[in-house]
C-alpha atoms as a PDB file:
ATOM      1  CA  MET A   1      18.791 -66.996  29.974  1.00  0.00           C
ATOM      2  CA  THR A   2      15.370 -65.680  30.973  1.00  0.00           C
ATOM      3  CA  ALA A   3      12.100 -66.082  29.109  1.00  0.00           C
ATOM      4  CA  ALA A   4      12.308 -62.426  28.138  1.00  0.00           C
ATOM      5  CA  ASP A   5      15.622 -63.081  26.389  1.00  0.00           C
ATOM      6  CA  THR A   6      14.021 -65.650  24.086  1.00  0.00           C
ATOM      7  CA  THR A   7      10.928 -63.637  23.199  1.00  0.00           C
ATOM      8  CA  PRO A   8      11.039 -62.905  19.456  1.00  0.00           C
ATOM      9  CA  GLU A   9      11.103 -59.277  18.415  1.00  0.00           C
ATOM     10  CA  ALA A  10       7.744 -57.943  17.297  1.00  0.00           C
ATOM     11  CA  PRO A  11       7.587 -57.721  13.488  1.00  0.00           C
ATOM     12  CA  HIS A  12       7.772 -54.407  11.689  1.00  0.00           C
ATOM     13  CA  HIS A  13       5.223 -53.713   8.948  1.00  0.00           C
ATOM     14  CA  TRP A  14       6.548 -51.922   5.884  1.00  0.00           C
ATOM     15  CA  VAL A  15       5.118 -50.586   2.635  1.00  0.00           C
ATOM     16  CA  LEU A  16       7.409 -50.748  -0.396  1.00  0.00           C
ATOM     17  CA  THR A  17       6.686 -48.810  -3.574  1.00  0.00           C
ATOM     18  CA  PHE A  18       8.807 -49.614  -6.609  1.00  0.00           C
ATOM     19  CA  SER A  19       8.713 -48.324 -10.185  1.00  0.00           C
ATOM     20  CA  CYS A  20      11.053 -48.657 -13.149  1.00  0.00           C
ATOM     21  CA  LEU A  21      11.124 -49.465 -16.850  1.00  0.00           C
ATOM     22  CA  ASP A  22       9.355 -52.766 -17.355  1.00  0.00           C
ATOM     23  CA  ARG A  23      11.448 -55.843 -17.993  1.00  0.00           C
ATOM     24  CA  ALA A  24      11.602 -59.485 -16.994  1.00  0.00           C
ATOM     25  CA  GLY A  25      12.549 -60.518 -13.460  1.00  0.00           C
ATOM     26  CA  ILE A  26      11.425 -57.514 -11.404  1.00  0.00           C
ATOM     27  CA  VAL A  27       8.877 -59.290  -9.225  1.00  0.00           C
ATOM     28  CA  HIS A  28      11.229 -62.220  -8.651  1.00  0.00           C
ATOM     29  CA  ALA A  29      14.050 -59.910  -7.598  1.00  0.00           C
ATOM     30  CA  VAL A  30      11.980 -57.720  -5.276  1.00  0.00           C
ATOM     31  CA  THR A  31      10.175 -60.572  -3.570  1.00  0.00           C
ATOM     32  CA  GLY A  32      13.479 -62.414  -3.263  1.00  0.00           C
ATOM     33  CA  ALA A  33      14.932 -59.431  -1.409  1.00  0.00           C
ATOM     34  CA  CYS A  34      11.946 -59.506   0.944  1.00  0.00           C
ATOM     35  CA  VAL A  35      12.539 -63.202   1.612  1.00  0.00           C
ATOM     36  CA  ALA A  36      16.225 -62.486   2.268  1.00  0.00           C
ATOM     37  CA  ALA A  37      15.061 -59.982   4.896  1.00  0.00           C
ATOM     38  CA  ASP A  38      13.007 -62.767   6.552  1.00  0.00           C
ATOM     39  CA  GLY A  39       9.906 -60.961   5.343  1.00  0.00           C
ATOM     40  CA  ASN A  40       6.383 -62.231   4.952  1.00  0.00           C
ATOM     41  CA  ILE A  41       4.597 -60.467   2.088  1.00  0.00           C
ATOM     42  CA  THR A  42       1.010 -59.699   3.161  1.00  0.00           C
ATOM     43  CA  GLU A  43      -0.107 -57.708   0.078  1.00  0.00           C
ATOM     44  CA  LEU A  44       1.283 -57.265  -3.414  1.00  0.00           C
ATOM     45  CA  GLN A  45      -0.052 -55.396  -6.436  1.00  0.00           C
ATOM     46  CA  GLN A  46       1.667 -54.681  -9.745  1.00  0.00           C
ATOM     47  CA  PHE A  47       0.955 -53.076 -13.093  1.00  0.00           C
ATOM     48  CA  SER A  48       2.800 -52.749 -16.385  1.00  0.00           C
ATOM     49  CA  SER A  49       1.875 -49.634 -18.361  1.00  0.00           C
ATOM     50  CA  ILE A  50       1.588 -50.234 -22.099  1.00  0.00           C
ATOM     51  CA  ASP A  51       1.530 -46.478 -22.693  1.00  0.00           C
ATOM     52  CA  THR A  52       4.803 -45.596 -20.977  1.00  0.00           C
ATOM     53  CA  GLY A  53       6.566 -48.938 -20.675  1.00  0.00           C
ATOM     54  CA  ARG A  54       6.924 -48.549 -16.917  1.00  0.00           C
ATOM     55  CA  PHE A  55       6.342 -51.102 -14.181  1.00  0.00           C
ATOM     56  CA  PHE A  56       4.719 -50.255 -10.857  1.00  0.00           C
ATOM     57  CA  MET A  57       4.566 -52.311  -7.674  1.00  0.00           C
ATOM     58  CA  ARG A  58       3.286 -51.827  -4.155  1.00  0.00           C
ATOM     59  CA  LEU A  59       3.765 -54.468  -1.508  1.00  0.00           C
ATOM     60  CA  GLN A  60       3.395 -54.806   2.240  1.00  0.00           C
ATOM     61  CA  VAL A  61       5.849 -56.936   4.140  1.00  0.00           C
ATOM     62  CA  GLU A  62       6.266 -57.818   7.805  1.00  0.00           C
ATOM     63  CA  THR A  63       9.627 -58.794   9.245  1.00  0.00           C
ATOM     64  CA  ALA A  64      11.534 -58.702  12.518  1.00  0.00           C
ATOM     65  CA  ARG A  65      14.460 -57.068  10.688  1.00  0.00           C
ATOM     66  CA  ASP A  66      14.913 -53.320  11.100  1.00  0.00           C
ATOM     67  CA  ARG A  67      14.467 -50.804   8.315  1.00  0.00           C
ATOM     68  CA  HIS A  68      18.196 -50.527   7.615  1.00  0.00           C
ATOM     69  CA  ARG A  69      18.485 -54.221   6.760  1.00  0.00           C
ATOM     70  CA  VAL A  70      15.353 -54.281   4.579  1.00  0.00           C
ATOM     71  CA  ALA A  71      16.305 -51.048   2.806  1.00  0.00           C
ATOM     72  CA  ASP A  72      19.799 -52.347   2.120  1.00  0.00           C
ATOM     73  CA  LEU A  73      18.480 -55.434   0.359  1.00  0.00           C
ATOM     74  CA  ILE A  74      15.824 -53.545  -1.607  1.00  0.00           C
ATOM     75  CA  GLY A  75      18.338 -50.861  -2.526  1.00  0.00           C
ATOM     76  CA  ARG A  76      20.575 -53.393  -4.239  1.00  0.00           C
ATOM     77  CA  VAL A  77      17.679 -54.588  -6.380  1.00  0.00           C
ATOM     78  CA  ALA A  78      16.588 -51.030  -7.141  1.00  0.00           C
ATOM     79  CA  ALA A  79      20.093 -50.199  -8.358  1.00  0.00           C
ATOM     80  CA  ASP A  80      19.986 -53.154 -10.768  1.00  0.00           C
ATOM     81  CA  PHE A  81      16.715 -51.909 -12.292  1.00  0.00           C
ATOM     82  CA  ASP A  82      17.404 -48.141 -11.977  1.00  0.00           C
ATOM     83  CA  ALA A  83      14.174 -47.955  -9.995  1.00  0.00           C
ATOM     84  CA  GLN A  84      12.463 -45.297  -7.935  1.00  0.00           C
ATOM     85  CA  TRP A  85      11.481 -46.770  -4.591  1.00  0.00           C
ATOM     86  CA  GLU A  86      10.379 -45.906  -1.081  1.00  0.00           C
ATOM     87  CA  LEU A  87      10.140 -47.960   2.110  1.00  0.00           C
ATOM     88  CA  THR A  88       7.846 -46.583   4.808  1.00  0.00           C
ATOM     89  CA  GLU A  89       6.178 -47.826   7.932  1.00  0.00           C
ATOM     90  CA  LEU A  90       2.664 -49.142   7.335  1.00  0.00           C
ATOM     91  CA  ARG A  91       0.023 -46.520   8.270  1.00  0.00           C
ATOM     92  CA  ARG A  92       2.585 -43.957   9.361  1.00  0.00           C
ATOM     93  CA  PRO A  93       0.646 -40.660   9.507  1.00  0.00           C
ATOM     94  CA  LEU A  94       1.546 -38.465   6.545  1.00  0.00           C
ATOM     95  CA  ARG A  95       2.370 -34.872   7.424  1.00  0.00           C
ATOM     96  CA  THR A  96      -0.356 -32.915   5.608  1.00  0.00           C
ATOM     97  CA  LEU A  97      -0.928 -29.190   5.174  1.00  0.00           C
ATOM     98  CA  VAL A  98      -4.458 -28.109   4.274  1.00  0.00           C
ATOM     99  CA  LEU A  99      -5.296 -24.953   2.327  1.00  0.00           C
ATOM    100  CA  ALA A 100      -8.850 -23.648   2.682  1.00  0.00           C
ATOM    101  CA  SER A 101     -11.112 -20.676   2.020  1.00  0.00           C
ATOM    102  CA  LYS A 102     -14.672 -20.375   3.390  1.00  0.00           C
ATOM    103  CA  ALA A 103     -16.411 -23.701   2.647  1.00  0.00           C
ATOM    104  CA  GLY A 104     -15.754 -26.118   5.493  1.00  0.00           C
ATOM    105  CA  HIS A 105     -17.191 -29.434   4.323  1.00  0.00           C
ATOM    106  CA  CYS A 106     -13.966 -30.912   2.917  1.00  0.00           C
ATOM    107  CA  LEU A 107     -11.806 -29.633   5.787  1.00  0.00           C
ATOM    108  CA  ASN A 108     -14.252 -30.978   8.368  1.00  0.00           C
ATOM    109  CA  ASP A 109     -14.283 -34.431   6.784  1.00  0.00           C
ATOM    110  CA  LEU A 110     -10.499 -34.605   6.616  1.00  0.00           C
ATOM    111  CA  LEU A 111      -9.990 -33.491  10.221  1.00  0.00           C
ATOM    112  CA  PHE A 112     -12.718 -35.795  11.512  1.00  0.00           C
ATOM    113  CA  ARG A 113     -11.250 -38.818   9.744  1.00  0.00           C
ATOM    114  CA  GLN A 114      -7.770 -37.882  10.904  1.00  0.00           C
ATOM    115  CA  ARG A 115      -9.015 -37.810  14.511  1.00  0.00           C
ATOM    116  CA  SER A 116     -10.928 -41.079  14.137  1.00  0.00           C
ATOM    117  CA  GLY A 117      -7.897 -42.819  12.619  1.00  0.00           C
ATOM    118  CA  HIS A 118      -9.638 -43.660   9.350  1.00  0.00           C
ATOM    119  CA  VAL A 119      -7.114 -41.723   7.234  1.00  0.00           C
ATOM    120  CA  PRO A 120      -3.403 -41.958   8.123  1.00  0.00           C
ATOM    121  CA  ILE A 121      -2.551 -38.263   8.054  1.00  0.00           C
ATOM    122  CA  GLU A 122      -1.322 -35.719  10.600  1.00  0.00           C
ATOM    123  CA  VAL A 123      -2.446 -32.141   9.934  1.00  0.00           C
ATOM    124  CA  PRO A 124      -0.173 -29.700  11.780  1.00  0.00           C
ATOM    125  CA  ARG A 125      -1.679 -26.555  10.299  1.00  0.00           C
ATOM    126  CA  VAL A 126      -4.429 -25.086   8.129  1.00  0.00           C
ATOM    127  CA  LEU A 127      -3.659 -22.031   5.992  1.00  0.00           C
ATOM    128  CA  ALA A 128      -6.623 -20.066   4.638  1.00  0.00           C
ATOM    129  CA  ASN A 129      -7.332 -16.874   2.785  1.00  0.00           C
ATOM    130  CA  HIS A 130     -10.365 -16.121   4.996  1.00  0.00           C
ATOM    131  CA  PRO A 131     -10.853 -16.389   8.789  1.00  0.00           C
ATOM    132  CA  ASP A 132     -14.166 -18.290   8.575  1.00  0.00           C
ATOM    133  CA  LEU A 133     -12.821 -21.785   9.381  1.00  0.00           C
ATOM    134  CA  GLY A 134     -10.699 -20.841  12.368  1.00  0.00           C
ATOM    135  CA  GLY A 135     -13.269 -22.187  14.819  1.00  0.00           C
ATOM    136  CA  LEU A 136     -13.500 -25.500  12.970  1.00  0.00           C
ATOM    137  CA  ALA A 137      -9.722 -25.960  13.077  1.00  0.00           C
ATOM    138  CA  ALA A 138      -9.681 -25.028  16.770  1.00  0.00           C
ATOM    139  CA  PHE A 139     -12.338 -27.655  17.496  1.00  0.00           C
ATOM    140  CA  TYR A 140      -9.968 -30.313  16.176  1.00  0.00           C
ATOM    141  CA  GLY A 141      -6.951 -28.763  17.889  1.00  0.00           C
ATOM    142  CA  VAL A 142      -5.205 -27.807  14.659  1.00  0.00           C
ATOM    143  CA  ALA A 143      -3.225 -24.574  14.234  1.00  0.00           C
ATOM    144  CA  PHE A 144      -4.926 -22.103  11.904  1.00  0.00           C
ATOM    145  CA  GLU A 145      -3.684 -19.071  10.013  1.00  0.00           C
ATOM    146  CA  HIS A 146      -5.518 -16.799   7.642  1.00  0.00           C
ATOM    147  CA  HIS A 147      -3.908 -14.360   5.264  1.00  0.00           C
ATOM    148  CA  ALA A 148      -5.746 -12.144   2.791  1.00  0.00           C
ATOM    149  CA  VAL A 149      -4.729 -13.284  -0.707  1.00  0.00           C
ATOM    150  CA  LEU A 150      -4.909 -10.303  -3.038  1.00  0.00           C
ATOM    151  CA  PRO A 151      -2.893  -9.639  -6.204  1.00  0.00           C
ATOM    152  CA  GLU A 152      -0.404  -7.689  -4.141  1.00  0.00           C
ATOM    153  CA  THR A 153      -0.182 -10.254  -1.304  1.00  0.00           C
ATOM    154  CA  LYS A 154      -0.380 -13.566  -3.172  1.00  0.00           C
ATOM    155  CA  ALA A 155       3.391 -13.951  -3.332  1.00  0.00           C
ATOM    156  CA  GLN A 156       3.706 -13.517   0.440  1.00  0.00           C
ATOM    157  CA  PHE A 157       1.033 -16.143   1.097  1.00  0.00           C
ATOM    158  CA  GLU A 158       2.688 -18.636  -1.223  1.00  0.00           C
ATOM    159  CA  ALA A 159       6.020 -17.938   0.465  1.00  0.00           C
ATOM    160  CA  ARG A 160       4.329 -18.835   3.763  1.00  0.00           C
ATOM    161  CA  VAL A 161       3.063 -22.079   2.239  1.00  0.00           C
ATOM    162  CA  ARG A 162       6.620 -22.965   1.198  1.00  0.00           C
ATOM    163  CA  GLN A 163       7.939 -22.118   4.645  1.00  0.00           C
ATOM    164  CA  VAL A 164       5.370 -24.320   6.387  1.00  0.00           C
ATOM    165  CA  VAL A 165       6.061 -27.191   3.999  1.00  0.00           C
ATOM    166  CA  ILE A 166       9.778 -27.017   4.812  1.00  0.00           C
ATOM    167  CA  ASP A 167       9.617 -26.170   8.539  1.00  0.00           C
ATOM    168  CA  GLU A 168       6.891 -28.685   9.414  1.00  0.00           C
ATOM    169  CA  ARG A 169       8.179 -31.480   7.156  1.00  0.00           C
ATOM    170  CA  VAL A 170       4.972 -31.532   5.124  1.00  0.00           C
ATOM    171  CA  GLU A 171       4.642 -34.436   2.698  1.00  0.00           C
ATOM    172  CA  LEU A 172       1.259 -33.583   1.186  1.00  0.00           C
ATOM    173  CA  VAL A 173      -0.665 -30.358   0.567  1.00  0.00           C
ATOM    174  CA  VAL A 174      -4.440 -30.613   0.205  1.00  0.00           C
ATOM    175  CA  LEU A 175      -6.545 -27.874  -1.359  1.00  0.00           C
ATOM    176  CA  ALA A 176      -9.798 -28.360   0.543  1.00  0.00           C
ATOM    177  CA  ARG A 177     -11.930 -26.018  -1.575  1.00  0.00           C
ATOM    178  CA  TYR A 178      -9.159 -23.415  -1.529  1.00  0.00           C
ATOM    179  CA  MET A 179     -10.548 -20.897  -3.987  1.00  0.00           C
ATOM    180  CA  GLN A 180      -7.340 -19.452  -5.349  1.00  0.00           C
ATOM    181  CA  ILE A 181      -5.172 -20.423  -8.302  1.00  0.00           C
ATOM    182  CA  LEU A 182      -1.635 -21.407  -7.334  1.00  0.00           C
ATOM    183  CA  SER A 183       1.231 -19.839  -9.239  1.00  0.00           C
ATOM    184  CA  PRO A 184       3.180 -22.023 -11.690  1.00  0.00           C
ATOM    185  CA  GLU A 185       6.203 -21.716  -9.363  1.00  0.00           C
ATOM    186  CA  LEU A 186       4.298 -23.104  -6.369  1.00  0.00           C
ATOM    187  CA  CYS A 187       2.743 -25.823  -8.531  1.00  0.00           C
ATOM    188  CA  GLU A 188       6.256 -26.890  -9.548  1.00  0.00           C
ATOM    189  CA  PHE A 189       7.459 -26.814  -5.938  1.00  0.00           C
ATOM    190  CA  LEU A 190       4.544 -29.061  -4.888  1.00  0.00           C
ATOM    191  CA  SER A 191       4.603 -31.301  -7.954  1.00  0.00           C
ATOM    192  CA  GLY A 192       3.325 -34.787  -7.184  1.00  0.00           C
ATOM    193  CA  ARG A 193       2.432 -33.917  -3.597  1.00  0.00           C
ATOM    194  CA  ALA A 194      -0.560 -31.568  -3.836  1.00  0.00           C
ATOM    195  CA  ILE A 195      -4.168 -32.684  -4.318  1.00  0.00           C
ATOM    196  CA  ASN A 196      -7.154 -30.534  -5.329  1.00  0.00           C
ATOM    197  CA  ILE A 197     -10.909 -31.180  -5.446  1.00  0.00           C
ATOM    198  CA  HIS A 198     -13.503 -29.665  -7.725  1.00  0.00           C
ATOM    199  CA  HIS A 199     -17.075 -30.329  -8.790  1.00  0.00           C
ATOM    200  CA  SER A 200     -17.574 -32.463 -11.857  1.00  0.00           C
ATOM    201  CA  PHE A 201     -20.682 -32.180 -14.016  1.00  0.00           C
ATOM    202  CA  LEU A 202     -21.803 -33.790 -17.217  1.00  0.00           C
ATOM    203  CA  PRO A 203     -21.780 -31.415 -19.064  1.00  0.00           C
ATOM    204  CA  GLY A 204     -19.259 -29.190 -17.290  1.00  0.00           C
ATOM    205  CA  PHE A 205     -20.057 -25.757 -15.954  1.00  0.00           C
ATOM    206  CA  LYS A 206     -17.491 -23.122 -15.133  1.00  0.00           C
ATOM    207  CA  GLY A 207     -17.677 -19.757 -13.491  1.00  0.00           C
ATOM    208  CA  ALA A 208     -19.963 -18.605 -10.696  1.00  0.00           C
ATOM    209  CA  ASN A 209     -22.713 -20.757  -9.157  1.00  0.00           C
ATOM    210  CA  PRO A 210     -22.056 -24.010 -11.057  1.00  0.00           C
ATOM    211  CA  TYR A 211     -24.765 -25.857  -9.107  1.00  0.00           C
ATOM    212  CA  ARG A 212     -27.330 -23.213 -10.081  1.00  0.00           C
ATOM    213  CA  GLN A 213     -26.210 -23.589 -13.701  1.00  0.00           C
ATOM    214  CA  ALA A 214     -26.601 -27.361 -13.380  1.00  0.00           C
ATOM    215  CA  HIS A 215     -30.078 -27.003 -11.946  1.00  0.00           C
ATOM    216  CA  ALA A 216     -31.108 -24.635 -14.719  1.00  0.00           C
ATOM    217  CA  ARG A 217     -29.920 -27.151 -17.336  1.00  0.00           C
ATOM    218  CA  GLY A 218     -31.531 -30.154 -15.700  1.00  0.00           C
ATOM    219  CA  VAL A 219     -28.320 -32.052 -15.095  1.00  0.00           C
ATOM    220  CA  LYS A 220     -28.777 -35.755 -14.310  1.00  0.00           C
ATOM    221  CA  LEU A 221     -25.300 -36.536 -12.944  1.00  0.00           C
ATOM    222  CA  ILE A 222     -23.198 -34.522 -10.543  1.00  0.00           C
ATOM    223  CA  GLY A 223     -20.023 -35.467  -8.764  1.00  0.00           C
ATOM    224  CA  ALA A 224     -16.471 -34.568  -7.891  1.00  0.00           C
ATOM    225  CA  THR A 225     -12.905 -35.106  -9.115  1.00  0.00           C
ATOM    226  CA  ALA A 226      -9.741 -35.212  -6.995  1.00  0.00           C
ATOM    227  CA  HIS A 227      -6.513 -34.722  -8.906  1.00  0.00           C
ATOM    228  CA  PHE A 228      -2.910 -33.665  -8.573  1.00  0.00           C
ATOM    229  CA  VAL A 229      -2.279 -29.936  -8.783  1.00  0.00           C
ATOM    230  CA  THR A 230      -0.521 -28.708 -11.907  1.00  0.00           C
ATOM    231  CA  SER A 231      -0.169 -25.315 -13.560  1.00  0.00           C
ATOM    232  CA  ASP A 232      -2.929 -26.392 -15.973  1.00  0.00           C
ATOM    233  CA  LEU A 233      -6.023 -25.459 -13.956  1.00  0.00           C
ATOM    234  CA  ASP A 234      -8.083 -28.524 -12.933  1.00  0.00           C
ATOM    235  CA  GLU A 235      -6.321 -30.712 -15.480  1.00  0.00           C
ATOM    236  CA  GLY A 236      -3.818 -32.603 -13.325  1.00  0.00           C
ATOM    237  CA  PRO A 237      -3.633 -36.409 -13.222  1.00  0.00           C
ATOM    238  CA  ILE A 238      -6.869 -37.758 -11.743  1.00  0.00           C
ATOM    239  CA  ILE A 239      -6.740 -39.798  -8.528  1.00  0.00           C
ATOM    240  CA  GLU A 240     -10.396 -40.351  -7.673  1.00  0.00           C
ATOM    241  CA  GLN A 241     -13.837 -39.513  -9.083  1.00  0.00           C
ATOM    242  CA  ASN A 242     -17.398 -40.078  -7.899  1.00  0.00           C
ATOM    243  CA  VAL A 243     -20.795 -39.317  -9.404  1.00  0.00           C
ATOM    244  CA  VAL A 244     -24.362 -39.460  -8.134  1.00  0.00           C
ATOM    245  CA  ARG A 245     -27.575 -39.450 -10.164  1.00  0.00           C
ATOM    246  CA  VAL A 246     -30.060 -36.607  -9.627  1.00  0.00           C
ATOM    247  CA  ASP A 247     -33.324 -35.605 -11.298  1.00  0.00           C
ATOM    248  CA  HIS A 248     -35.735 -32.741 -11.835  1.00  0.00           C
ATOM    249  CA  THR A 249     -37.077 -32.904  -8.274  1.00  0.00           C
ATOM    250  CA  ARG A 250     -33.820 -31.577  -6.798  1.00  0.00           C
ATOM    251  CA  THR A 251     -33.598 -27.893  -6.030  1.00  0.00           C
ATOM    252  CA  ALA A 252     -30.421 -25.893  -6.564  1.00  0.00           C
ATOM    253  CA  ALA A 253     -29.840 -25.917  -2.798  1.00  0.00           C
ATOM    254  CA  GLN A 254     -30.189 -29.689  -2.724  1.00  0.00           C
ATOM    255  CA  LEU A 255     -27.686 -30.026  -5.558  1.00  0.00           C
ATOM    256  CA  VAL A 256     -25.210 -27.973  -3.517  1.00  0.00           C
ATOM    257  CA  GLU A 257     -25.700 -30.296  -0.529  1.00  0.00           C
ATOM    258  CA  ILE A 258     -25.305 -33.438  -2.621  1.00  0.00           C
ATOM    259  CA  GLY A 259     -22.315 -31.982  -4.428  1.00  0.00           C
ATOM    260  CA  GLN A 260     -20.558 -31.044  -1.202  1.00  0.00           C
ATOM    261  CA  ASP A 261     -21.039 -34.583   0.127  1.00  0.00           C
ATOM    262  CA  GLU A 262     -19.433 -35.967  -3.020  1.00  0.00           C
ATOM    263  CA  GLU A 263     -16.573 -33.467  -2.857  1.00  0.00           C
ATOM    264  CA  SER A 264     -15.829 -34.437   0.758  1.00  0.00           C
ATOM    265  CA  ARG A 265     -16.032 -38.149   0.061  1.00  0.00           C
ATOM    266  CA  THR A 266     -13.901 -37.960  -3.056  1.00  0.00           C
ATOM    267  CA  LEU A 267     -11.166 -35.760  -1.595  1.00  0.00           C
ATOM    268  CA  THR A 268     -10.864 -37.852   1.566  1.00  0.00           C
ATOM    269  CA  ALA A 269     -10.671 -41.040  -0.517  1.00  0.00           C
ATOM    270  CA  ALA A 270      -7.884 -39.544  -2.667  1.00  0.00           C
ATOM    271  CA  VAL A 271      -5.945 -38.392   0.390  1.00  0.00           C
ATOM    272  CA  LYS A 272      -6.272 -41.843   1.968  1.00  0.00           C
ATOM    273  CA  LEU A 273      -5.022 -43.544  -1.194  1.00  0.00           C
ATOM    274  CA  PHE A 274      -2.049 -41.176  -1.369  1.00  0.00           C
ATOM    275  CA  ALA A 275      -1.219 -41.519   2.337  1.00  0.00           C
ATOM    276  CA  GLU A 276      -1.263 -45.301   2.015  1.00  0.00           C
ATOM    277  CA  LYS A 277       1.240 -45.085  -0.876  1.00  0.00           C
ATOM    278  CA  ARG A 278      -1.254 -46.466  -3.384  1.00  0.00           C
ATOM    279  CA  VAL A 279      -0.930 -43.719  -5.999  1.00  0.00           C
ATOM    280  CA  PHE A 280       1.751 -43.605  -8.705  1.00  0.00           C
ATOM    281  CA  LEU A 281       2.221 -41.012 -11.437  1.00  0.00           C
ATOM    282  CA  ASP A 282       2.444 -42.488 -14.927  1.00  0.00           C
ATOM    283  CA  GLY A 283       2.873 -39.505 -17.202  1.00  0.00           C
ATOM    284  CA  ALA A 284      -0.424 -37.598 -17.336  1.00  0.00           C
ATOM    285  CA  ARG A 285      -2.277 -40.498 -15.658  1.00  0.00           C
ATOM    286  CA  THR A 286      -2.179 -42.199 -12.320  1.00  0.00           C
ATOM    287  CA  VAL A 287      -1.857 -45.834 -11.346  1.00  0.00           C
ATOM    288  CA  VAL A 288      -3.946 -46.471  -8.233  1.00  0.00           C
ATOM    289  CA  PHE A 289      -3.735 -49.709  -6.286  1.00  0.00           C
ATOM    290  CA  ARG A 290      -6.821 -50.294  -4.136  1.00  0.00           C
END
């Protein structure tokens, strides 16, 4: 026997997400399955929702056993608790489709952090309703398509979105300041796997030029909200929010600049949390493990 024959297999690193109705013994059973798979748990977070009675868990485990063996043991436990669960490789890039319009700040931040390895996503394509961001996508080596989205062409564009999601095995769709309302049918198709970003003011302003409205009213806090896409416009379960304090010295143009920074930061943070399997839906709310 050579030295190579006795070298232990390098450990695999897995992320397990697990949710079910709350009851006694869940943590004991799940961690016991990890031990049975010769696993070393490196991170574990859990939460019991008083509102819905559901239990949520995310854990990271390293083991020399392959995925089939680990999944088999976890699957037995999941069956006992009628649980929803997923076992994925730690930091596996999530296949992500980005929808955009003209503003490039959110798209640029996502593509930069994808390239730098700070966010575990893989963007195979950007779909937009204007051609303006084609050069930005080309800079990062990402395929780009633009299609005019008018009342008579909206259905064709959304059909293209569906096709890309299926053909390119897309796991997440990000609306990076995509300035169109998705149809209820597409919202349903993307339920739980589409994230949007919008400005968030106290008080709120809707319609055209919200930053100019905020400046005119002397707003003291501006920010951004990232949430899941639903058919209720801008009312999906919230994943991440950020605010920044401003005062009377800020011009409307400066508020736009500050707001865009917050939008980029907030959207990227939400995408990172989702890609790392840290976000769970709990009714109209989210459970987010950081």
